[in-house]
C-alpha atoms as a PDB file:
ATOM      1  CA  MET A   1       8.066  -2.621  21.694  1.00  0.00           C
ATOM      2  CA  ASN A   2       7.017   0.482  22.608  1.00  0.00           C
ATOM      3  CA  SER A   3       4.691   3.482  21.502  1.00  0.00           C
ATOM      4  CA  THR A   4       7.834   4.922  19.334  1.00  0.00           C
ATOM      5  CA  SER A   5       7.271   1.718  17.075  1.00  0.00           C
ATOM      6  CA  SER A   6       8.568   2.119  13.606  1.00  0.00           C
ATOM      7  CA  VAL A   7       6.992   0.939  10.145  1.00  0.00           C
ATOM      8  CA  ILE A   8       9.085  -0.031   7.519  1.00  0.00           C
ATOM      9  CA  CYS A   9       7.468  -0.435   3.782  1.00  0.00           C
ATOM     10  CA  ILE A  10       8.863  -1.789   1.417  1.00  0.00           C
ATOM     11  CA  GLY A  11       8.671  -1.191  -2.661  1.00  0.00           C
ATOM     12  CA  GLU A  12       7.922   0.784  -6.131  1.00  0.00           C
ATOM     13  CA  LEU A  13       8.673   4.547  -5.584  1.00  0.00           C
ATOM     14  CA  LEU A  14       7.736   6.152  -9.030  1.00  0.00           C
ATOM     15  CA  ILE A  15       6.683   9.025 -11.138  1.00  0.00           C
ATOM     16  CA  ASP A  16       3.266   9.594 -11.731  1.00  0.00           C
ATOM     17  CA  PHE A  17       2.461  11.722 -14.576  1.00  0.00           C
ATOM     18  CA  PHE A  18      -0.723  12.588 -14.568  1.00  0.00           C
ATOM     19  CA  CYS A  19      -2.370  14.098 -17.626  1.00  0.00           C
ATOM     20  CA  LYS A  20      -4.060  17.772 -16.901  1.00  0.00           C
ATOM     21  CA  ASP A  21      -6.242  17.692 -20.545  1.00  0.00           C
ATOM     22  CA  VAL A  22      -9.530  16.898 -18.796  1.00  0.00           C
ATOM     23  CA  ARG A  23     -11.416  13.547 -20.658  1.00  0.00           C
ATOM     24  CA  THR A  24      -8.641  12.899 -23.115  1.00  0.00           C
ATOM     25  CA  ASP A  25      -6.228   9.934 -24.200  1.00  0.00           C
ATOM     26  CA  LEU A  26      -2.288   9.800 -23.922  1.00  0.00           C
ATOM     27  CA  VAL A  27      -2.483  10.652 -28.120  1.00  0.00           C
ATOM     28  CA  GLU A  28      -4.143  13.576 -27.179  1.00  0.00           C
ATOM     29  CA  GLY A  29      -2.954  14.654 -23.831  1.00  0.00           C
ATOM     30  CA  THR A  30      -0.731  17.333 -23.765  1.00  0.00           C
ATOM     31  CA  ASN A  31      -0.044  18.970 -20.194  1.00  0.00           C
ATOM     32  CA  PHE A  32       1.129  16.553 -17.499  1.00  0.00           C
ATOM     33  CA  GLU A  33       1.944  17.071 -14.151  1.00  0.00           C
ATOM     34  CA  LYS A  34       4.496  14.977 -12.191  1.00  0.00           C
ATOM     35  CA  GLN A  35       3.676  13.527  -8.496  1.00  0.00           C
ATOM     36  CA  ALA A  36       5.427  11.121  -6.229  1.00  0.00           C
ATOM     37  CA  GLY A  37       3.931   7.753  -6.525  1.00  0.00           C
ATOM     38  CA  GLY A  38       3.552   4.356  -5.328  1.00  0.00           C
ATOM     39  CA  ALA A  39       1.397   2.964  -2.797  1.00  0.00           C
ATOM     40  CA  PRO A  40       4.174   2.279   0.100  1.00  0.00           C
ATOM     41  CA  ALA A  41       4.876   5.449   0.124  1.00  0.00           C
ATOM     42  CA  ASN A  42       1.822   6.543   0.351  1.00  0.00           C
ATOM     43  CA  VAL A  43       1.280   4.153   3.417  1.00  0.00           C
ATOM     44  CA  CYS A  44       4.372   6.015   4.717  1.00  0.00           C
ATOM     45  CA  ALA A  45       3.234   9.255   4.535  1.00  0.00           C
ATOM     46  CA  THR A  46      -0.357   8.627   6.215  1.00  0.00           C
ATOM     47  CA  ILE A  47       2.004   7.152   9.214  1.00  0.00           C
ATOM     48  CA  VAL A  48       4.053  10.362   9.460  1.00  0.00           C
ATOM     49  CA  LYS A  49       1.095  12.527   8.836  1.00  0.00           C
ATOM     50  CA  LEU A  50      -0.997  11.253  11.821  1.00  0.00           C
ATOM     51  CA  GLY A  51       2.409  11.556  13.604  1.00  0.00           C
ATOM     52  CA  GLY A  52       3.869   8.224  13.347  1.00  0.00           C
ATOM     53  CA  LYS A  53       7.263   7.070  12.567  1.00  0.00           C
ATOM     54  CA  ALA A  54       8.219   5.545   8.917  1.00  0.00           C
ATOM     55  CA  SER A  55      10.855   4.624   6.863  1.00  0.00           C
ATOM     56  CA  PHE A  56      10.686   3.240   3.293  1.00  0.00           C
ATOM     57  CA  SER A  57      12.872   1.130   1.580  1.00  0.00           C
ATOM     58  CA  GLY A  58      13.253   0.711  -2.347  1.00  0.00           C
ATOM     59  CA  LYS A  59      14.724   1.725  -5.504  1.00  0.00           C
ATOM     60  CA  VAL A  60      15.096   4.051  -8.032  1.00  0.00           C
ATOM     61  CA  GLY A  61      17.090   5.514 -10.547  1.00  0.00           C
ATOM     62  CA  ASN A  62      19.822   7.700  -9.699  1.00  0.00           C
ATOM     63  CA  ASP A  63      18.805  10.499 -12.120  1.00  0.00           C
ATOM     64  CA  PRO A  64      16.940  13.774 -11.473  1.00  0.00           C
ATOM     65  CA  PHE A  65      13.617  11.812 -10.836  1.00  0.00           C
ATOM     66  CA  GLY A  66      14.412   9.799  -8.497  1.00  0.00           C
ATOM     67  CA  HIS A  67      16.049  13.087  -6.057  1.00  0.00           C
ATOM     68  CA  PHE A  68      12.752  14.482  -6.805  1.00  0.00           C
ATOM     69  CA  LEU A  69      11.358  11.303  -5.128  1.00  0.00           C
ATOM     70  CA  LYS A  70      13.843  11.121  -2.520  1.00  0.00           C
ATOM     71  CA  HIS A  71      13.629  14.711  -1.406  1.00  0.00           C
ATOM     72  CA  THR A  72       9.471  14.547  -1.086  1.00  0.00           C
ATOM     73  CA  LEU A  73      10.024  11.713   0.828  1.00  0.00           C
ATOM     74  CA  ASP A  74      12.417  13.874   3.031  1.00  0.00           C
ATOM     75  CA  GLU A  75      10.198  16.641   3.560  1.00  0.00           C
ATOM     76  CA  LEU A  76       7.453  14.742   5.023  1.00  0.00           C
ATOM     77  CA  ASP A  77       9.822  13.094   7.493  1.00  0.00           C
ATOM     78  CA  ILE A  78       9.657   9.949   6.283  1.00  0.00           C
ATOM     79  CA  ASP A  79      13.248   7.749   6.852  1.00  0.00           C
ATOM     80  CA  THR A  80      14.804   7.572   3.189  1.00  0.00           C
ATOM     81  CA  SER A  81      17.825   6.081   4.573  1.00  0.00           C
ATOM     82  CA  MET A  82      17.251   2.962   2.996  1.00  0.00           C
ATOM     83  CA  ILE A  83      16.269   4.393  -0.987  1.00  0.00           C
ATOM     84  CA  LYS A  84      18.981   2.957  -3.255  1.00  0.00           C
ATOM     85  CA  LEU A  85      20.217   5.027  -5.512  1.00  0.00           C
ATOM     86  CA  ASP A  86      20.558   2.752  -9.250  1.00  0.00           C
ATOM     87  CA  GLU A  87      23.185   3.834 -11.411  1.00  0.00           C
ATOM     88  CA  LYS A  88      22.005   1.420 -14.373  1.00  0.00           C
ATOM     89  CA  ASN A  89      18.260   1.749 -14.337  1.00  0.00           C
ATOM     90  CA  SER A  90      16.245   5.019 -14.382  1.00  0.00           C
ATOM     91  CA  THR A  91      13.194   5.836 -12.196  1.00  0.00           C
ATOM     92  CA  THR A  92       9.885   3.991 -12.866  1.00  0.00           C
ATOM     93  CA  PHE A  93       7.177   6.250 -14.261  1.00  0.00           C
ATOM     94  CA  ALA A  94       3.808   6.178 -15.354  1.00  0.00           C
ATOM     95  CA  PHE A  95       1.868   8.120 -17.556  1.00  0.00           C
ATOM     96  CA  VAL A  96      -1.733   8.262 -16.474  1.00  0.00           C
ATOM     97  CA  SER A  97      -5.367   9.983 -18.254  1.00  0.00           C
ATOM     98  CA  LEU A  98      -8.913   9.588 -17.485  1.00  0.00           C
ATOM     99  CA  LYS A  99     -10.457   9.514 -21.000  1.00  0.00           C
ATOM    100  CA  GLU A 100     -14.337  10.641 -22.144  1.00  0.00           C
ATOM    101  CA  ASP A 101     -15.340   7.089 -20.799  1.00  0.00           C
ATOM    102  CA  GLY A 102     -14.255   7.588 -17.449  1.00  0.00           C
ATOM    103  CA  GLU A 103     -11.319   4.939 -18.473  1.00  0.00           C
ATOM    104  CA  ARG A 104      -8.107   5.169 -17.277  1.00  0.00           C
ATOM    105  CA  ASP A 105      -5.024   5.665 -20.133  1.00  0.00           C
ATOM    106  CA  PHE A 106      -2.124   3.873 -19.019  1.00  0.00           C
ATOM    107  CA  VAL A 107       1.591   3.734 -19.735  1.00  0.00           C
ATOM    108  CA  PHE A 108       4.415   2.141 -17.581  1.00  0.00           C
ATOM    109  CA  ASN A 109       7.586   2.557 -17.655  1.00  0.00           C
ATOM    110  CA  ARG A 110       9.388  -0.184 -15.626  1.00  0.00           C
ATOM    111  CA  GLY A 111      12.446   1.015 -14.316  1.00  0.00           C
ATOM    112  CA  ALA A 112      15.033   1.125 -10.957  1.00  0.00           C
ATOM    113  CA  ASP A 113      12.305  -0.260  -8.544  1.00  0.00           C
ATOM    114  CA  ALA A 114      12.379  -4.068 -10.648  1.00  0.00           C
ATOM    115  CA  TYR A 115      16.178  -4.401  -8.932  1.00  0.00           C
ATOM    116  CA  LEU A 116      16.013  -4.355  -5.355  1.00  0.00           C
ATOM    117  CA  THR A 117      17.962  -7.259  -4.542  1.00  0.00           C
ATOM    118  CA  GLU A 118      17.954  -8.890  -1.163  1.00  0.00           C
ATOM    119  CA  GLU A 119      21.969  -7.828  -0.251  1.00  0.00           C
ATOM    120  CA  GLU A 120      20.817  -4.260  -0.372  1.00  0.00           C
ATOM    121  CA  LEU A 121      18.455  -4.552   1.815  1.00  0.00           C
ATOM    122  CA  ASN A 122      18.778  -3.338   5.388  1.00  0.00           C
ATOM    123  CA  GLN A 123      18.879  -6.234   7.431  1.00  0.00           C
ATOM    124  CA  TYR A 124      19.710  -4.487  10.831  1.00  0.00           C
ATOM    125  CA  GLU A 125      16.786  -1.834  10.353  1.00  0.00           C
ATOM    126  CA  LEU A 126      14.357  -4.656   9.023  1.00  0.00           C
ATOM    127  CA  LYS A 127      14.780  -6.115  12.692  1.00  0.00           C
ATOM    128  CA  LYS A 128      14.351  -3.136  14.367  1.00  0.00           C
ATOM    129  CA  ALA A 129      10.795  -2.353  13.104  1.00  0.00           C
ATOM    130  CA  GLY A 130       7.993  -3.195  15.026  1.00  0.00           C
ATOM    131  CA  ILE A 131       6.073  -3.699  11.473  1.00  0.00           C
ATOM    132  CA  LEU A 132       6.696  -4.763   8.228  1.00  0.00           C
ATOM    133  CA  HIS A 133       4.439  -3.480   5.572  1.00  0.00           C
ATOM    134  CA  PHE A 134       4.815  -4.972   1.803  1.00  0.00           C
ATOM    135  CA  GLY A 135       2.183  -3.055  -0.737  1.00  0.00           C
ATOM    136  CA  SER A 136       3.978  -2.283  -4.226  1.00  0.00           C
ATOM    137  CA  ALA A 137       1.533  -3.065  -6.775  1.00  0.00           C
ATOM    138  CA  THR A 138       4.986  -3.873  -9.161  1.00  0.00           C
ATOM    139  CA  ALA A 139       6.851  -5.950  -6.421  1.00  0.00           C
ATOM    140  CA  LEU A 140       5.549  -8.919  -7.575  1.00  0.00           C
ATOM    141  CA  LEU A 141       5.917  -8.597 -11.833  1.00  0.00           C
ATOM    142  CA  GLU A 142       9.339 -10.379 -11.896  1.00  0.00           C
ATOM    143  CA  ASP A 143      12.617 -11.050 -10.336  1.00  0.00           C
ATOM    144  CA  PRO A 144      15.087 -10.026  -8.946  1.00  0.00           C
ATOM    145  CA  PHE A 145      12.548  -8.161  -6.578  1.00  0.00           C
ATOM    146  CA  GLN A 146       9.649 -10.520  -6.799  1.00  0.00           C
ATOM    147  CA  SER A 147      12.117 -12.850  -4.953  1.00  0.00           C
ATOM    148  CA  THR A 148      13.233 -10.187  -2.729  1.00  0.00           C
ATOM    149  CA  TYR A 149       9.797  -9.546  -1.840  1.00  0.00           C
ATOM    150  CA  LEU A 150       8.810 -12.903  -0.879  1.00  0.00           C
ATOM    151  CA  ASN A 151      11.393 -14.612   0.900  1.00  0.00           C
ATOM    152  CA  THR A 152      11.425 -11.106   2.976  1.00  0.00           C
ATOM    153  CA  MET A 153       8.214 -12.103   4.317  1.00  0.00           C
ATOM    154  CA  LYS A 154       9.206 -15.528   4.760  1.00  0.00           C
ATOM    155  CA  GLN A 155      12.151 -14.263   6.435  1.00  0.00           C
ATOM    156  CA  TYR A 156      10.557 -11.901   9.421  1.00  0.00           C
ATOM    157  CA  LYS A 157       7.348 -14.197   9.771  1.00  0.00           C
ATOM    158  CA  CYS A 158       9.678 -16.620  11.082  1.00  0.00           C
ATOM    159  CA  ASP A 159      11.537 -13.968  13.354  1.00  0.00           C
ATOM    160  CA  GLN A 160       8.117 -12.986  14.518  1.00  0.00           C
ATOM    161  CA  HIS A 161       7.405  -9.695  13.054  1.00  0.00           C
ATOM    162  CA  PHE A 162       4.371  -8.437  12.499  1.00  0.00           C
ATOM    163  CA  ILE A 163       3.572  -8.655   8.999  1.00  0.00           C
ATOM    164  CA  SER A 164       1.068  -6.290   6.545  1.00  0.00           C
ATOM    165  CA  PHE A 165       0.108  -7.069   3.012  1.00  0.00           C
ATOM    166  CA  ASP A 166      -1.821  -5.395   0.616  1.00  0.00           C
ATOM    167  CA  PRO A 167      -1.974  -7.383  -2.974  1.00  0.00           C
ATOM    168  CA  ASN A 168      -2.364  -3.894  -5.171  1.00  0.00           C
ATOM    169  CA  TYR A 169      -3.457  -5.497  -8.190  1.00  0.00           C
ATOM    170  CA  ARG A 170      -3.623  -3.251 -11.112  1.00  0.00           C
ATOM    171  CA  PRO A 171      -4.715  -4.747 -13.907  1.00  0.00           C
ATOM    172  CA  ASP A 172      -2.960  -2.928 -16.294  1.00  0.00           C
ATOM    173  CA  LEU A 173      -0.008  -4.435 -14.964  1.00  0.00           C
ATOM    174  CA  TRP A 174      -1.027  -8.365 -15.097  1.00  0.00           C
ATOM    175  CA  ARG A 175      -2.804  -8.274 -18.481  1.00  0.00           C
ATOM    176  CA  SER A 176      -2.695 -11.846 -19.466  1.00  0.00           C
ATOM    177  CA  ARG A 177      -0.745 -13.091 -16.128  1.00  0.00           C
ATOM    178  CA  GLU A 178      -3.688 -12.940 -13.922  1.00  0.00           C
ATOM    179  CA  SER A 179      -3.187 -16.646 -12.849  1.00  0.00           C
ATOM    180  CA  ASP A 180       0.652 -15.288 -12.002  1.00  0.00           C
ATOM    181  CA  PHE A 181      -0.815 -12.868  -9.641  1.00  0.00           C
ATOM    182  CA  ILE A 182      -3.526 -14.761  -7.940  1.00  0.00           C
ATOM    183  CA  GLU A 183      -0.651 -17.494  -6.791  1.00  0.00           C
ATOM    184  CA  LEU A 184       2.024 -14.568  -5.887  1.00  0.00           C
ATOM    185  CA  ALA A 185      -0.869 -13.117  -3.696  1.00  0.00           C
ATOM    186  CA  ARG A 186      -1.664 -16.136  -2.524  1.00  0.00           C
ATOM    187  CA  GLN A 187       1.709 -16.443  -0.883  1.00  0.00           C
ATOM    188  CA  GLY A 188       1.911 -13.049   0.190  1.00  0.00           C
ATOM    189  CA  ILE A 189      -1.468 -13.679   2.450  1.00  0.00           C
ATOM    190  CA  SER A 190       0.229 -16.990   3.859  1.00  0.00           C
ATOM    191  CA  GLN A 191       2.585 -15.317   5.142  1.00  0.00           C
ATOM    192  CA  ALA A 192       0.890 -12.210   6.888  1.00  0.00           C
ATOM    193  CA  ASP A 193      -0.810 -11.108  10.091  1.00  0.00           C
ATOM    194  CA  PHE A 194      -2.897  -8.476   8.564  1.00  0.00           C
ATOM    195  CA  VAL A 195      -4.222  -8.025   4.702  1.00  0.00           C
ATOM    196  CA  LYS A 196      -5.755  -5.610   3.395  1.00  0.00           C
ATOM    197  CA  VAL A 197      -7.843  -5.878  -0.193  1.00  0.00           C
ATOM    198  CA  SER A 198     -10.651  -4.137  -2.274  1.00  0.00           C
ATOM    199  CA  GLU A 199     -14.018  -6.444  -3.367  1.00  0.00           C
ATOM    200  CA  GLU A 200     -12.483  -6.753  -6.784  1.00  0.00           C
ATOM    201  CA  GLU A 201      -9.173  -8.150  -5.130  1.00  0.00           C
ATOM    202  CA  LEU A 202     -11.000 -10.082  -2.987  1.00  0.00           C
ATOM    203  CA  LYS A 203     -13.223 -11.881  -5.365  1.00  0.00           C
ATOM    204  CA  LEU A 204     -10.110 -12.290  -8.175  1.00  0.00           C
ATOM    205  CA  ILE A 205      -7.828 -14.297  -4.831  1.00  0.00           C
ATOM    206  CA  SER A 206     -10.476 -16.582  -3.744  1.00  0.00           C
ATOM    207  CA  GLY A 207     -12.070 -17.484  -6.685  1.00  0.00           C
ATOM    208  CA  VAL A 208     -15.816 -16.856  -5.121  1.00  0.00           C
ATOM    209  CA  ASN A 209     -18.032 -14.256  -5.143  1.00  0.00           C
ATOM    210  CA  GLU A 210     -19.680 -13.731  -1.728  1.00  0.00           C
ATOM    211  CA  ILE A 211     -17.654 -11.247   0.416  1.00  0.00           C
ATOM    212  CA  GLU A 212     -18.139 -13.537   3.697  1.00  0.00           C
ATOM    213  CA  GLN A 213     -16.733 -16.357   1.826  1.00  0.00           C
ATOM    214  CA  GLY A 214     -13.498 -14.612   0.357  1.00  0.00           C
ATOM    215  CA  VAL A 215     -12.797 -13.765   3.690  1.00  0.00           C
ATOM    216  CA  GLU A 216     -13.277 -17.081   4.861  1.00  0.00           C
ATOM    217  CA  ALA A 217     -10.968 -18.248   1.810  1.00  0.00           C
ATOM    218  CA  LEU A 218      -8.004 -15.706   2.946  1.00  0.00           C
ATOM    219  CA  HIS A 219      -8.107 -16.897   6.926  1.00  0.00           C
ATOM    220  CA  HIS A 220      -7.721 -20.684   5.336  1.00  0.00           C
ATOM    221  CA  LEU A 221      -4.521 -18.966   3.896  1.00  0.00           C
ATOM    222  CA  GLY A 222      -3.161 -18.026   7.017  1.00  0.00           C
ATOM    223  CA  THR A 223      -3.311 -14.414   7.511  1.00  0.00           C
ATOM    224  CA  ASP A 224      -4.916 -13.578  11.144  1.00  0.00           C
ATOM    225  CA  LEU A 225      -6.950  -9.927  10.318  1.00  0.00           C
ATOM    226  CA  VAL A 226      -8.388  -9.479   7.152  1.00  0.00           C
ATOM    227  CA  ALA A 227      -9.942  -5.820   5.955  1.00  0.00           C
ATOM    228  CA  VAL A 228     -12.039  -5.771   3.011  1.00  0.00           C
ATOM    229  CA  THR A 229     -12.334  -2.046   1.834  1.00  0.00           C
ATOM    230  CA  LEU A 230     -16.332  -1.647   0.468  1.00  0.00           C
ATOM    231  CA  GLY A 231     -15.824   2.509  -0.912  1.00  0.00           C
ATOM    232  CA  LYS A 232     -18.926   4.290   0.294  1.00  0.00           C
ATOM    233  CA  ARG A 233     -20.193   1.186   2.700  1.00  0.00           C
ATOM    234  CA  GLY A 234     -17.556   1.203   4.678  1.00  0.00           C
ATOM    235  CA  THR A 235     -14.450  -1.744   5.303  1.00  0.00           C
ATOM    236  CA  MET A 236     -15.701  -5.709   6.262  1.00  0.00           C
ATOM    237  CA  ILE A 237     -12.734  -6.266   9.224  1.00  0.00           C
ATOM    238  CA  SER A 238     -12.321 -10.110  10.053  1.00  0.00           C
ATOM    239  CA  ASN A 239     -10.638 -11.797  12.868  1.00  0.00           C
ATOM    240  CA  GLY A 240     -11.213 -15.625  11.898  1.00  0.00           C
ATOM    241  CA  ARG A 241     -13.988 -15.457  14.752  1.00  0.00           C
ATOM    242  CA  LEU A 242     -15.795 -12.187  14.425  1.00  0.00           C
ATOM    243  CA  LYS A 243     -16.356 -10.423  11.373  1.00  0.00           C
ATOM    244  CA  GLU A 244     -18.678  -6.633  10.672  1.00  0.00           C
ATOM    245  CA  VAL A 245     -18.795  -4.273   8.032  1.00  0.00           C
ATOM    246  CA  ILE A 246     -17.391  -1.195   9.745  1.00  0.00           C
ATOM    247  CA  PRO A 247     -19.323   1.984   7.991  1.00  0.00           C
ATOM    248  CA  SER A 248     -17.556   4.870   6.630  1.00  0.00           C
ATOM    249  CA  ILE A 249     -18.328   8.664   6.709  1.00  0.00           C
ATOM    250  CA  GLU A 250     -20.214  10.828   4.357  1.00  0.00           C
ATOM    251  CA  VAL A 251     -18.340  12.671   1.819  1.00  0.00           C
ATOM    252  CA  GLU A 252     -17.748  14.431  -1.123  1.00  0.00           C
ATOM    253  CA  SER A 253     -15.263  12.226  -3.313  1.00  0.00           C
ATOM    254  CA  ILE A 254     -13.168  13.874  -5.540  1.00  0.00           C
ATOM    255  CA  ASP A 255     -10.488  11.769  -6.103  1.00  0.00           C
ATOM    256  CA  SER A 256     -10.139   8.300  -4.074  1.00  0.00           C
ATOM    257  CA  THR A 257      -6.645   7.843  -5.265  1.00  0.00           C
ATOM    258  CA  GLY A 258      -4.562   6.583  -2.601  1.00  0.00           C
ATOM    259  CA  ALA A 259      -7.276   6.124  -0.375  1.00  0.00           C
ATOM    260  CA  GLY A 260      -6.768   2.262   0.290  1.00  0.00           C
ATOM    261  CA  ASP A 261      -3.437   3.350   1.085  1.00  0.00           C
ATOM    262  CA  ALA A 262      -4.287   6.099   3.338  1.00  0.00           C
ATOM    263  CA  PHE A 263      -6.696   3.201   5.320  1.00  0.00           C
ATOM    264  CA  VAL A 264      -3.508   1.296   5.639  1.00  0.00           C
ATOM    265  CA  GLY A 265      -1.768   3.821   6.832  1.00  0.00           C
ATOM    266  CA  ALA A 266      -3.548   4.702   9.217  1.00  0.00           C
ATOM    267  CA  MET A 267      -4.274   0.972  10.381  1.00  0.00           C
ATOM    268  CA  LEU A 268      -0.290   0.346  11.030  1.00  0.00           C
ATOM    269  CA  TYR A 269      -0.012   3.609  12.689  1.00  0.00           C
ATOM    270  CA  GLN A 270      -2.769   2.490  15.197  1.00  0.00           C
ATOM    271  CA  LEU A 271      -0.800  -1.462  15.161  1.00  0.00           C
ATOM    272  CA  ALA A 272       2.649   0.204  16.066  1.00  0.00           C
ATOM    273  CA  ARG A 273       1.456   2.136  19.027  1.00  0.00           C
ATOM    274  CA  GLU A 274       0.248  -1.600  21.093  1.00  0.00           C
ATOM    275  CA  GLU A 275       3.291  -3.440  22.462  1.00  0.00           C
ATOM    276  CA  GLU A 276       1.726  -6.119  20.735  1.00  0.00           C
ATOM    277  CA  PRO A 277       0.226  -5.791  17.576  1.00  0.00           C
ATOM    278  CA  GLN A 278      -0.491  -9.639  17.123  1.00  0.00           C
ATOM    279  CA  GLN A 279      -2.227  -9.701  20.392  1.00  0.00           C
ATOM    280  CA  VAL A 280      -4.407  -7.000  19.358  1.00  0.00           C
ATOM    281  CA  ILE A 281      -5.678  -8.939  16.481  1.00  0.00           C
ATOM    282  CA  ASN A 282      -7.703 -10.996  19.414  1.00  0.00           C
ATOM    283  CA  ASP A 283      -9.793  -8.086  20.679  1.00  0.00           C
ATOM    284  CA  PHE A 284     -12.172  -7.057  18.264  1.00  0.00           C
ATOM    285  CA  GLN A 285     -13.956  -4.332  19.528  1.00  0.00           C
ATOM    286  CA  LYS A 286     -10.191  -2.268  19.696  1.00  0.00           C
ATOM    287  CA  ILE A 287      -9.530  -3.627  15.945  1.00  0.00           C
ATOM    288  CA  LYS A 288     -13.316  -2.231  15.382  1.00  0.00           C
ATOM    289  CA  GLU A 289     -12.244   1.064  16.915  1.00  0.00           C
ATOM    290  CA  MET A 290      -9.304   1.116  14.255  1.00  0.00           C
ATOM    291  CA  THR A 291     -11.114   0.737  11.303  1.00  0.00           C
ATOM    292  CA  THR A 292     -12.997   3.305  12.329  1.00  0.00           C
ATOM    293  CA  PHE A 293     -10.293   5.599  12.826  1.00  0.00           C
ATOM    294  CA  SER A 294      -8.698   4.299   9.747  1.00  0.00           C
ATOM    295  CA  ASN A 295     -12.345   4.683   7.243  1.00  0.00           C
ATOM    296  CA  LYS A 296     -12.198   8.028   8.538  1.00  0.00           C
ATOM    297  CA  VAL A 297      -8.656   8.615   7.074  1.00  0.00           C
ATOM    298  CA  GLY A 298      -9.462   6.865   3.812  1.00  0.00           C
ATOM    299  CA  ALA A 299     -12.671   8.753   3.418  1.00  0.00           C
ATOM    300  CA  MET A 300     -11.098  12.205   3.792  1.00  0.00           C
ATOM    301  CA  VAL A 301      -8.545  11.742   1.399  1.00  0.00           C
ATOM    302  CA  CYS A 302     -11.248  11.336  -1.067  1.00  0.00           C
ATOM    303  CA  THR A 303     -12.478  15.139  -0.866  1.00  0.00           C
ATOM    304  CA  LYS A 304      -8.823  16.567  -2.204  1.00  0.00           C
ATOM    305  CA  LEU A 305      -6.520  16.223  -5.665  1.00  0.00           C
ATOM    306  CA  GLY A 306      -3.591  13.997  -5.127  1.00  0.00           C
ATOM    307  CA  ALA A 307      -2.478  10.853  -3.127  1.00  0.00           C
ATOM    308  CA  ILE A 308      -0.121  12.415  -0.417  1.00  0.00           C
ATOM    309  CA  SER A 309      -1.487  15.755  -0.464  1.00  0.00           C
ATOM    310  CA  ALA A 310      -4.798  14.619   0.514  1.00  0.00           C
ATOM    311  CA  ILE A 311      -3.736  12.906   3.332  1.00  0.00           C
ATOM    312  CA  PRO A 312      -5.074  14.335   6.436  1.00  0.00           C
ATOM    313  CA  THR A 313      -3.390  15.432  10.008  1.00  0.00           C
ATOM    314  CA  GLN A 314      -4.526  13.908  13.439  1.00  0.00           C
ATOM    315  CA  GLN A 315      -5.843  17.379  13.676  1.00  0.00           C
ATOM    316  CA  GLU A 316      -7.817  17.469  10.637  1.00  0.00           C
ATOM    317  CA  ILE A 317      -9.480  13.982  11.806  1.00  0.00           C
ATOM    318  CA  LEU A 318     -10.606  15.335  14.866  1.00  0.00           C
END
């Protein structure tokens, strides 16, 4: 691999309709703004804004919303040649508002992203990529996409590709199916070189409340590098031998949407520049430096509204 190695992010690309009415639920809300959403798209956007190469692989409807999403990624210089336009199913979208009590009101309409099959993946491009990232909140919900996701991880892990995985747990999507999520997330972790989880996800997937023990449980499943994002406290990073909490920078947080995706994007941007990403995991000092940079990117996303529009460039970080 060389310094221009690309990252392919596989997963959902969807429309988020955000309610602009302050502290109201979806019953009362009347003003909505459409935005490009989906964690893998946010990761792609971070990589390209930092100066790297990223491609998105997924499925949207062949409808105005699908074309809007493709256009949004094209504008950012993300490679969209692997986006499939579905003639039968409409683009996935979600309606979100923040209620008076600070909780989210959330309605999800699953569409085209659920129907991506293994046959529709561009195997030639996947084989060429340096890093494959699996970070979709919706991918594990049901077949065919669930099988496409897990089988592709297994296939390319065997082919010695660097595999990145973010389970991206969303309670709204897994109501009454939490145990299914835990089992599927563990399968994903067993195939990944790098796993990023939040503190909540770590406790849920590992089944233990103590962070260090939870991290050990994830290593035991088979992953080499674990990052646990801890909000203002920073990130615990572990390569199975050494672990440390790397502090973040202090910021005035306005909106934390997409901060975790930006952290992942920043880590993958740096790993893709390495000749042998798997070997870098052994260099704990280097991993700490990468985490410091990625913390900064994630924190800066919190200072602006919107996930993609808030991602900083290299110049802004410096």
